Amino acid sequence: MPRENNQMRLTVSPDDNDVGYVTLPAHPGPGVPGAVKRTIRLRTLLDYAGPDLNLDLDSEGNLIGVEFVG
């Protein structure tokens, strides 16, 4: 179930400014156990220049978040 505010949110890690996470509207919110059922590292799908991107999917295969690791 999507969060009530239904907005994307960017969070930068307080420990590492090169790590960020975009929470998409379909994400149930931080701290929800089991929200992410599968993570796909974009580099396993294609070769590109730039930061590592990890795509977080829910149990139905919906994209719910993206992690950037610079």
Protein backbone atom coordinates (compact mmCIF):
# COMPACT_ATOMS: atom_id res chain seq x y z
CA MET A 1 0.00 0.00 0.00
CA PRO A 2 1.46 3.41 -0.98
CA ARG A 3 2.30 6.06 1.59
CA GLU A 4 -0.36 8.71 2.18
CA ASN A 5 1.69 11.69 0.93
CA ASN A 6 2.23 9.86 -2.41
CA GLN A 7 5.39 11.82 -3.25
CA MET A 8 8.92 10.88 -4.22
CA ARG A 9 11.50 11.55 -1.54
CA LEU A 10 15.30 11.75 -1.81
CA THR A 11 17.31 10.76 1.24
CA VAL A 12 21.11 11.14 1.44
CA SER A 13 22.97 8.86 3.81
CA PRO A 14 24.18 10.73 6.91
CA ASP A 15 27.26 8.46 6.89
CA ASP A 16 28.19 8.77 3.20
CA ASN A 17 27.25 11.69 0.94
CA ASP A 18 27.83 9.45 -2.09
CA VAL A 19 24.85 7.26 -1.19
CA GLY A 20 21.27 8.34 -1.80
CA TYR A 21 17.87 6.71 -1.97
CA VAL A 22 14.79 7.80 -3.90
CA THR A 23 11.61 6.52 -2.29
CA LEU A 24 8.92 6.28 -4.96
CA PRO A 25 5.17 6.82 -4.29
CA ALA A 26 4.43 3.07 -4.27
CA HIS A 27 6.90 2.51 -1.38
CA PRO A 28 5.07 1.83 1.91
CA GLY A 29 7.60 3.92 3.83
CA PRO A 30 10.87 3.49 5.71
CA GLY A 31 11.02 0.81 8.34
CA VAL A 32 8.26 -1.37 6.88
CA PRO A 33 9.57 -4.93 7.27
CA GLY A 34 9.70 -6.91 4.04
CA ALA A 35 8.72 -4.00 1.77
CA VAL A 36 11.62 -4.73 -0.60
CA LYS A 37 11.32 -8.25 -1.96
CA ARG A 38 13.98 -8.01 -4.65
CA THR A 39 16.87 -5.70 -5.49
CA ILE A 40 18.31 -5.57 -9.00
CA ARG A 41 21.70 -4.00 -9.60
CA LEU A 42 21.35 -2.11 -12.88
CA ARG A 43 24.91 -3.08 -13.94
CA THR A 44 23.74 -6.70 -14.16
CA LEU A 45 21.32 -5.62 -16.91
CA LEU A 46 23.45 -3.19 -18.92
CA ASP A 47 26.86 -1.60 -19.12
CA TYR A 48 26.94 2.15 -18.45
CA ALA A 49 29.11 4.90 -17.00
CA GLY A 50 28.03 6.43 -13.72
CA PRO A 51 27.11 5.51 -10.18
CA ASP A 52 25.81 2.10 -9.18
CA LEU A 53 22.03 2.00 -9.19
CA ASN A 54 20.07 -0.58 -7.24
CA LEU A 55 16.40 -0.99 -8.12
CA ASP A 56 14.13 -2.08 -5.26
CA LEU A 57 10.97 -4.03 -6.15
CA ASP A 58 8.01 -5.05 -4.02
CA SER A 59 6.37 -8.49 -3.97
CA GLU A 60 4.37 -7.67 -7.11
CA GLY A 61 7.41 -6.50 -9.08
CA ASN A 62 6.64 -2.79 -8.76
CA LEU A 63 9.60 -0.41 -8.57
CA ILE A 64 9.39 1.22 -5.14
CA GLY A 65 12.85 2.74 -4.68
CA VAL A 66 16.22 3.44 -6.26
CA GLU A 67 19.55 3.53 -4.42
CA PHE A 68 22.43 5.56 -5.88
CA VAL A 69 25.95 4.62 -4.82
CA GLY A 70 28.47 7.11 -6.19
